Amino acid sequence: MKLTTDFFNKLATNIREKYFPEIKYYRDNDMCANGIYSIELFSNGCINYDNLIKRLSKYCKDTKENIKLIVDKYVEEM
């Protein structure tokens, strides 16, 4: 799988802006912190793509399909 340059920062920013706009610092909210940590685990190779989608869906309280659309913007090649 090939990811865009600066994958973690781009995806984390997009997730924070869309699902946690009222949160000033992501560590102030446990759900936001867990979502960002999941992105970090994926970008470091500790979890797979399906697990990332499942975790983000849980923490952002959205469907897997919607999360997948957001993440796929930053994946260049599967």
PDB file of N, CA and C in Angstrom:
ATOM      1  N   MET A   1       0.848  -1.167   0.000  1.00  0.00           N
ATOM      2  CA  MET A   1       0.000   0.000   0.000  1.00  0.00           C
ATOM      3  C   MET A   1       0.899   1.237   0.000  1.00  0.00           C
ATOM      4  N   LYS A   2       0.599   2.156  -0.889  1.00  0.00           N
ATOM      5  CA  LYS A   2       1.388   3.385  -0.969  1.00  0.00           C
ATOM      6  C   LYS A   2       0.538   4.549  -0.464  1.00  0.00           C
ATOM      7  N   LEU A   3       1.084   5.282   0.491  1.00  0.00           N
ATOM      8  CA  LEU A   3       0.372   6.406   1.103  1.00  0.00           C
ATOM      9  C   LEU A   3       0.932   7.723   0.593  1.00  0.00           C
ATOM     10  N   THR A   4       0.130   8.775   0.680  1.00  0.00           N
ATOM     11  CA  THR A   4       0.586  10.094   0.262  1.00  0.00           C
ATOM     12  C   THR A   4       1.670  10.595   1.217  1.00  0.00           C
ATOM     13  N   THR A   5       2.414  11.562   0.757  1.00  0.00           N
ATOM     14  CA  THR A   5       3.415  12.193   1.597  1.00  0.00           C
ATOM     15  C   THR A   5       2.708  12.876   2.760  1.00  0.00           C
ATOM     16  N   ASP A   6       3.250  12.709   3.946  1.00  0.00           N
ATOM     17  CA  ASP A   6       2.691  13.320   5.152  1.00  0.00           C
ATOM     18  C   ASP A   6       1.282  12.793   5.453  1.00  0.00           C
ATOM     19  N   PHE A   7       1.093  11.486   5.246  1.00  0.00           N
ATOM     20  CA  PHE A   7      -0.200  10.813   5.431  1.00  0.00           C
ATOM     21  C   PHE A   7      -0.792  11.081   6.808  1.00  0.00           C
ATOM     22  N   PHE A   8       0.002  10.875   7.845  1.00  0.00           N
ATOM     23  CA  PHE A   8      -0.510  11.009   9.210  1.00  0.00           C
ATOM     24  C   PHE A   8      -1.078  12.398   9.467  1.00  0.00           C
ATOM     25  N   ASN A   9      -0.321  13.432   9.171  1.00  0.00           N
ATOM     26  CA  ASN A   9      -0.763  14.801   9.452  1.00  0.00           C
ATOM     27  C   ASN A   9      -1.994  15.189   8.639  1.00  0.00           C
ATOM     28  N   LYS A  10      -2.033  14.810   7.383  1.00  0.00           N
ATOM     29  CA  LYS A  10      -3.168  15.150   6.531  1.00  0.00           C
ATOM     30  C   LYS A  10      -4.442  14.461   7.005  1.00  0.00           C
ATOM     31  N   LEU A  11      -4.364  13.163   7.274  1.00  0.00           N
ATOM     32  CA  LEU A  11      -5.545  12.420   7.712  1.00  0.00           C
ATOM     33  C   LEU A  11      -5.990  12.864   9.104  1.00  0.00           C
ATOM     34  N   ALA A  12      -5.047  13.036  10.011  1.00  0.00           N
ATOM     35  CA  ALA A  12      -5.392  13.459  11.369  1.00  0.00           C
ATOM     36  C   ALA A  12      -6.076  14.824  11.363  1.00  0.00           C
ATOM     37  N   THR A  13      -5.580  15.737  10.551  1.00  0.00           N
ATOM     38  CA  THR A  13      -6.187  17.062  10.454  1.00  0.00           C
ATOM     39  C   THR A  13      -7.599  16.972   9.898  1.00  0.00           C
ATOM     40  N   ASN A  14      -7.777  16.162   8.867  1.00  0.00           N
ATOM     41  CA  ASN A  14      -9.099  15.997   8.265  1.00  0.00           C
ATOM     42  C   ASN A  14     -10.086  15.395   9.266  1.00  0.00           C
ATOM     43  N   ILE A  15      -9.676  14.383   9.991  1.00  0.00           N
ATOM     44  CA  ILE A  15     -10.549  13.736  10.985  1.00  0.00           C
ATOM     45  C   ILE A  15     -10.901  14.721  12.100  1.00  0.00           C
ATOM     46  N   ARG A  16      -9.912  15.440  12.599  1.00  0.00           N
ATOM     47  CA  ARG A  16     -10.187  16.413  13.677  1.00  0.00           C
ATOM     48  C   ARG A  16     -11.146  17.502  13.208  1.00  0.00           C
ATOM     49  N   GLU A  17     -10.951  18.028  12.003  1.00  0.00           N
ATOM     50  CA  GLU A  17     -11.816  19.095  11.500  1.00  0.00           C
ATOM     51  C   GLU A  17     -13.244  18.627  11.270  1.00  0.00           C
ATOM     52  N   LYS A  18     -13.399  17.399  10.793  1.00  0.00           N
ATOM     53  CA  LYS A  18     -14.734  16.909  10.458  1.00  0.00           C
ATOM     54  C   LYS A  18     -15.499  16.398  11.681  1.00  0.00           C
ATOM     55  N   TYR A  19     -14.849  15.629  12.538  1.00  0.00           N
ATOM     56  CA  TYR A  19     -15.558  14.953  13.625  1.00  0.00           C
ATOM     57  C   TYR A  19     -15.388  15.606  14.994  1.00  0.00           C
ATOM     58  N   PHE A  20     -14.362  16.403  15.165  1.00  0.00           N
ATOM     59  CA  PHE A  20     -14.102  17.020  16.471  1.00  0.00           C
ATOM     60  C   PHE A  20     -13.770  18.512  16.315  1.00  0.00           C
ATOM     61  N   PRO A  21     -14.624  19.278  15.660  1.00  0.00           N
ATOM     62  CA  PRO A  21     -14.282  20.694  15.412  1.00  0.00           C
ATOM     63  C   PRO A  21     -14.248  21.544  16.682  1.00  0.00           C
ATOM     64  N   GLU A  22     -14.954  21.130  17.706  1.00  0.00           N
ATOM     65  CA  GLU A  22     -15.005  21.925  18.941  1.00  0.00           C
ATOM     66  C   GLU A  22     -13.812  21.661  19.861  1.00  0.00           C
ATOM     67  N   ILE A  23     -13.030  20.650  19.551  1.00  0.00           N
ATOM     68  CA  ILE A  23     -11.883  20.279  20.379  1.00  0.00           C
ATOM     69  C   ILE A  23     -10.677  21.130  19.967  1.00  0.00           C
ATOM     70  N   LYS A  24     -10.122  21.873  20.926  1.00  0.00           N
ATOM     71  CA  LYS A  24      -8.967  22.725  20.621  1.00  0.00           C
ATOM     72  C   LYS A  24      -7.689  21.885  20.515  1.00  0.00           C
ATOM     73  N   TYR A  25      -7.478  21.004  21.468  1.00  0.00           N
ATOM     74  CA  TYR A  25      -6.302  20.145  21.474  1.00  0.00           C
ATOM     75  C   TYR A  25      -6.789  18.705  21.558  1.00  0.00           C
ATOM     76  N   TYR A  26      -6.332  17.846  20.662  1.00  0.00           N
ATOM     77  CA  TYR A  26      -6.923  16.518  20.527  1.00  0.00           C
ATOM     78  C   TYR A  26      -6.850  15.665  21.794  1.00  0.00           C
ATOM     79  N   ARG A  27      -5.929  15.922  22.679  1.00  0.00           N
ATOM     80  CA  ARG A  27      -5.826  15.140  23.915  1.00  0.00           C
ATOM     81  C   ARG A  27      -6.909  15.499  24.938  1.00  0.00           C
ATOM     82  N   ASP A  28      -7.663  16.569  24.676  1.00  0.00           N
ATOM     83  CA  ASP A  28      -8.737  16.960  25.585  1.00  0.00           C
ATOM     84  C   ASP A  28      -9.943  16.034  25.502  1.00  0.00           C
ATOM     85  N   ASN A  29     -10.032  15.244  24.447  1.00  0.00           N
ATOM     86  CA  ASN A  29     -11.158  14.353  24.238  1.00  0.00           C
ATOM     87  C   ASN A  29     -10.631  12.943  24.003  1.00  0.00           C
ATOM     88  N   ASP A  30     -11.093  11.968  24.779  1.00  0.00           N
ATOM     89  CA  ASP A  30     -10.585  10.595  24.675  1.00  0.00           C
ATOM     90  C   ASP A  30     -10.874   9.961  23.317  1.00  0.00           C
ATOM     91  N   MET A  31     -12.056  10.210  22.775  1.00  0.00           N
ATOM     92  CA  MET A  31     -12.406   9.621  21.474  1.00  0.00           C
ATOM     93  C   MET A  31     -11.494  10.177  20.376  1.00  0.00           C
ATOM     94  N   CYS A  32     -11.239  11.467  20.410  1.00  0.00           N
ATOM     95  CA  CYS A  32     -10.352  12.086  19.433  1.00  0.00           C
ATOM     96  C   CYS A  32      -8.927  11.555  19.598  1.00  0.00           C
ATOM     97  N   ALA A  33      -8.455  11.478  20.818  1.00  0.00           N
ATOM     98  CA  ALA A  33      -7.097  10.987  21.079  1.00  0.00           C
ATOM     99  C   ALA A  33      -6.941   9.547  20.605  1.00  0.00           C
ATOM    100  N   ASN A  34      -7.942   8.709  20.844  1.00  0.00           N
ATOM    101  CA  ASN A  34      -7.873   7.314  20.404  1.00  0.00           C
ATOM    102  C   ASN A  34      -7.897   7.203  18.882  1.00  0.00           C
ATOM    103  N   GLY A  35      -8.675   8.062  18.232  1.00  0.00           N
ATOM    104  CA  GLY A  35      -8.707   8.062  16.766  1.00  0.00           C
ATOM    105  C   GLY A  35      -7.369   8.469  16.176  1.00  0.00           C
ATOM    106  N   ILE A  36      -6.771   9.504  16.718  1.00  0.00           N
ATOM    107  CA  ILE A  36      -5.469   9.968  16.233  1.00  0.00           C
ATOM    108  C   ILE A  36      -4.395   8.911  16.501  1.00  0.00           C
ATOM    109  N   TYR A  37      -4.487   8.257  17.653  1.00  0.00           N
ATOM    110  CA  TYR A  37      -3.536   7.190  17.976  1.00  0.00           C
ATOM    111  C   TYR A  37      -3.677   6.028  16.984  1.00  0.00           C
ATOM    112  N   SER A  38      -4.895   5.725  16.572  1.00  0.00           N
ATOM    113  CA  SER A  38      -5.116   4.656  15.588  1.00  0.00           C
ATOM    114  C   SER A  38      -4.459   5.000  14.257  1.00  0.00           C
ATOM    115  N   ILE A  39      -4.552   6.259  13.852  1.00  0.00           N
ATOM    116  CA  ILE A  39      -3.902   6.697  12.615  1.00  0.00           C
ATOM    117  C   ILE A  39      -2.388   6.553  12.748  1.00  0.00           C
ATOM    118  N   GLU A  40      -1.873   6.897  13.916  1.00  0.00           N
ATOM    119  CA  GLU A  40      -0.437   6.769  14.163  1.00  0.00           C
ATOM    120  C   GLU A  40       0.004   5.305  14.099  1.00  0.00           C
ATOM    121  N   LEU A  41      -0.778   4.415  14.691  1.00  0.00           N
ATOM    122  CA  LEU A  41      -0.453   2.989  14.646  1.00  0.00           C
ATOM    123  C   LEU A  41      -0.425   2.480  13.211  1.00  0.00           C
ATOM    124  N   PHE A  42      -1.391   2.906  12.408  1.00  0.00           N
ATOM    125  CA  PHE A  42      -1.434   2.479  11.010  1.00  0.00           C
ATOM    126  C   PHE A  42      -0.237   3.010  10.235  1.00  0.00           C
ATOM    127  N   SER A  43       0.071   4.274  10.395  1.00  0.00           N
ATOM    128  CA  SER A  43       1.181   4.848   9.632  1.00  0.00           C
ATOM    129  C   SER A  43       2.528   4.272  10.058  1.00  0.00           C
ATOM    130  N   ASN A  44       2.602   3.725  11.274  1.00  0.00           N
ATOM    131  CA  ASN A  44       3.830   3.072  11.726  1.00  0.00           C
ATOM    132  C   ASN A  44       3.844   1.576  11.416  1.00  0.00           C
ATOM    133  N   GLY A  45       2.764   1.059  10.829  1.00  0.00           N
ATOM    134  CA  GLY A  45       2.712  -0.341  10.422  1.00  0.00           C
ATOM    135  C   GLY A  45       2.303  -1.297  11.519  1.00  0.00           C
ATOM    136  N   CYS A  46       1.734  -0.812  12.597  1.00  0.00           N
ATOM    137  CA  CYS A  46       1.351  -1.676  13.728  1.00  0.00           C
ATOM    138  C   CYS A  46      -0.031  -2.298  13.557  1.00  0.00           C
ATOM    139  N   ILE A  47      -0.913  -1.649  12.810  1.00  0.00           N
ATOM    140  CA  ILE A  47      -2.229  -2.220  12.521  1.00  0.00           C
ATOM    141  C   ILE A  47      -2.467  -2.165  11.019  1.00  0.00           C
ATOM    142  N   ASN A  48      -3.395  -3.001  10.532  1.00  0.00           N
ATOM    143  CA  ASN A  48      -3.663  -3.027   9.099  1.00  0.00           C
ATOM    144  C   ASN A  48      -4.774  -2.045   8.726  1.00  0.00           C
ATOM    145  N   TYR A  49      -5.040  -1.937   7.441  1.00  0.00           N
ATOM    146  CA  TYR A  49      -6.008  -0.976   6.905  1.00  0.00           C
ATOM    147  C   TYR A  49      -7.417  -1.232   7.449  1.00  0.00           C
ATOM    148  N   ASP A  50      -7.843  -2.482   7.441  1.00  0.00           N
ATOM    149  CA  ASP A  50      -9.189  -2.809   7.920  1.00  0.00           C
ATOM    150  C   ASP A  50      -9.366  -2.459   9.391  1.00  0.00           C
ATOM    151  N   ASN A  51      -8.339  -2.706  10.177  1.00  0.00           N
ATOM    152  CA  ASN A  51      -8.390  -2.385  11.599  1.00  0.00           C
ATOM    153  C   ASN A  51      -8.454  -0.863  11.798  1.00  0.00           C
ATOM    154  N   LEU A  52      -7.731  -0.106  10.982  1.00  0.00           N
ATOM    155  CA  LEU A  52      -7.783   1.361  11.053  1.00  0.00           C
ATOM    156  C   LEU A  52      -9.200   1.856  10.788  1.00  0.00           C
ATOM    157  N   ILE A  53      -9.830   1.342   9.740  1.00  0.00           N
ATOM    158  CA  ILE A  53     -11.185   1.759   9.384  1.00  0.00           C
ATOM    159  C   ILE A  53     -12.153   1.428  10.510  1.00  0.00           C
ATOM    160  N   LYS A  54     -12.024   0.236  11.072  1.00  0.00           N
ATOM    161  CA  LYS A  54     -12.905  -0.189  12.163  1.00  0.00           C
ATOM    162  C   LYS A  54     -12.743   0.705  13.389  1.00  0.00           C
ATOM    163  N   ARG A  55     -11.511   0.998  13.746  1.00  0.00           N
ATOM    164  CA  ARG A  55     -11.245   1.842  14.924  1.00  0.00           C
ATOM    165  C   ARG A  55     -11.741   3.271  14.717  1.00  0.00           C
ATOM    166  N   LEU A  56     -11.437   3.856  13.556  1.00  0.00           N
ATOM    167  CA  LEU A  56     -11.877   5.221  13.294  1.00  0.00           C
ATOM    168  C   LEU A  56     -13.400   5.313  13.259  1.00  0.00           C
ATOM    169  N   SER A  57     -14.033   4.295  12.720  1.00  0.00           N
ATOM    170  CA  SER A  57     -15.493   4.256  12.700  1.00  0.00           C
ATOM    171  C   SER A  57     -16.058   4.271  14.114  1.00  0.00           C
ATOM    172  N   LYS A  58     -15.429   3.529  14.986  1.00  0.00           N
ATOM    173  CA  LYS A  58     -15.873   3.471  16.387  1.00  0.00           C
ATOM    174  C   LYS A  58     -15.656   4.811  17.093  1.00  0.00           C
ATOM    175  N   TYR A  59     -14.477   5.380  16.963  1.00  0.00           N
ATOM    176  CA  TYR A  59     -14.149   6.597  17.698  1.00  0.00           C
ATOM    177  C   TYR A  59     -14.823   7.846  17.125  1.00  0.00           C
ATOM    178  N   CYS A  60     -15.059   7.864  15.811  1.00  0.00           N
ATOM    179  CA  CYS A  60     -15.709   9.018  15.194  1.00  0.00           C
ATOM    180  C   CYS A  60     -17.229   8.866  15.160  1.00  0.00           C
ATOM    181  N   LYS A  61     -17.708   7.690  15.528  1.00  0.00           N
ATOM    182  CA  LYS A  61     -19.150   7.398  15.547  1.00  0.00           C
ATOM    183  C   LYS A  61     -19.775   7.640  14.177  1.00  0.00           C
ATOM    184  N   ASP A  62     -19.163   7.050  13.167  1.00  0.00           N
ATOM    185  CA  ASP A  62     -19.647   7.144  11.800  1.00  0.00           C
ATOM    186  C   ASP A  62     -19.531   5.761  11.158  1.00  0.00           C
ATOM    187  N   THR A  63     -20.111   5.596   9.979  1.00  0.00           N
ATOM    188  CA  THR A  63     -20.068   4.302   9.309  1.00  0.00           C
ATOM    189  C   THR A  63     -18.685   4.035   8.731  1.00  0.00           C
ATOM    190  N   LYS A  64     -18.401   2.776   8.548  1.00  0.00           N
ATOM    191  CA  LYS A  64     -17.115   2.390   7.967  1.00  0.00           C
ATOM    192  C   LYS A  64     -16.972   2.921   6.546  1.00  0.00           C
ATOM    193  N   GLU A  65     -18.079   2.980   5.814  1.00  0.00           N
ATOM    194  CA  GLU A  65     -18.047   3.468   4.435  1.00  0.00           C
ATOM    195  C   GLU A  65     -17.628   4.936   4.375  1.00  0.00           C
ATOM    196  N   ASN A  66     -18.164   5.751   5.270  1.00  0.00           N
ATOM    197  CA  ASN A  66     -17.785   7.174   5.287  1.00  0.00           C
ATOM    198  C   ASN A  66     -16.330   7.375   5.682  1.00  0.00           C
ATOM    199  N   ILE A  67     -15.871   6.614   6.653  1.00  0.00           N
ATOM    200  CA  ILE A  67     -14.465   6.698   7.082  1.00  0.00           C
ATOM    201  C   ILE A  67     -13.551   6.249   5.954  1.00  0.00           C
ATOM    202  N   LYS A  68     -13.946   5.180   5.274  1.00  0.00           N
ATOM    203  CA  LYS A  68     -13.138   4.658   4.167  1.00  0.00           C
ATOM    204  C   LYS A  68     -12.973   5.703   3.071  1.00  0.00           C
ATOM    205  N   LEU A  69     -14.021   6.460   2.776  1.00  0.00           N
ATOM    206  CA  LEU A  69     -13.931   7.517   1.760  1.00  0.00           C
ATOM    207  C   LEU A  69     -12.908   8.580   2.152  1.00  0.00           C
ATOM    208  N   ILE A  70     -12.860   8.920   3.423  1.00  0.00           N
ATOM    209  CA  ILE A  70     -11.908   9.927   3.902  1.00  0.00           C
ATOM    210  C   ILE A  70     -10.482   9.393   3.828  1.00  0.00           C
ATOM    211  N   VAL A  71     -10.272   8.178   4.308  1.00  0.00           N
ATOM    212  CA  VAL A  71      -8.927   7.595   4.335  1.00  0.00           C
ATOM    213  C   VAL A  71      -8.408   7.366   2.919  1.00  0.00           C
ATOM    214  N   ASP A  72      -9.294   6.944   2.008  1.00  0.00           N
ATOM    215  CA  ASP A  72      -8.863   6.643   0.642  1.00  0.00           C
ATOM    216  C   ASP A  72      -8.359   7.866  -0.112  1.00  0.00           C
ATOM    217  N   LYS A  73      -8.692   9.062   0.346  1.00  0.00           N
ATOM    218  CA  LYS A  73      -8.160  10.271  -0.292  1.00  0.00           C
ATOM    219  C   LYS A  73      -6.648  10.361  -0.123  1.00  0.00           C
ATOM    220  N   TYR A  74      -6.131   9.715   0.909  1.00  0.00           N
ATOM    221  CA  TYR A  74      -4.704   9.805   1.216  1.00  0.00           C
ATOM    222  C   TYR A  74      -3.940   8.526   0.913  1.00  0.00           C
ATOM    223  N   VAL A  75      -4.598   7.571   0.273  1.00  0.00           N
ATOM    224  CA  VAL A  75      -3.955   6.341  -0.163  1.00  0.00           C
ATOM    225  C   VAL A  75      -3.783   6.424  -1.675  1.00  0.00           C
ATOM    226  N   GLU A  76      -2.541   6.360  -2.133  1.00  0.00           N
ATOM    227  CA  GLU A  76      -2.280   6.490  -3.567  1.00  0.00           C
ATOM    228  C   GLU A  76      -2.474   5.164  -4.293  1.00  0.00           C
ATOM    229  N   GLU A  77      -2.123   4.065  -3.644  1.00  0.00           N
ATOM    230  CA  GLU A  77      -2.157   2.769  -4.309  1.00  0.00           C
ATOM    231  C   GLU A  77      -2.442   1.686  -3.298  1.00  0.00           C
ATOM    232  N   MET A  78      -3.374   0.814  -3.606  1.00  0.00           N
ATOM    233  CA  MET A  78      -3.702  -0.291  -2.699  1.00  0.00           C
ATOM    234  C   MET A  78      -2.868  -1.499  -3.003  1.00  0.00           C
TER     235      MET A  78
END
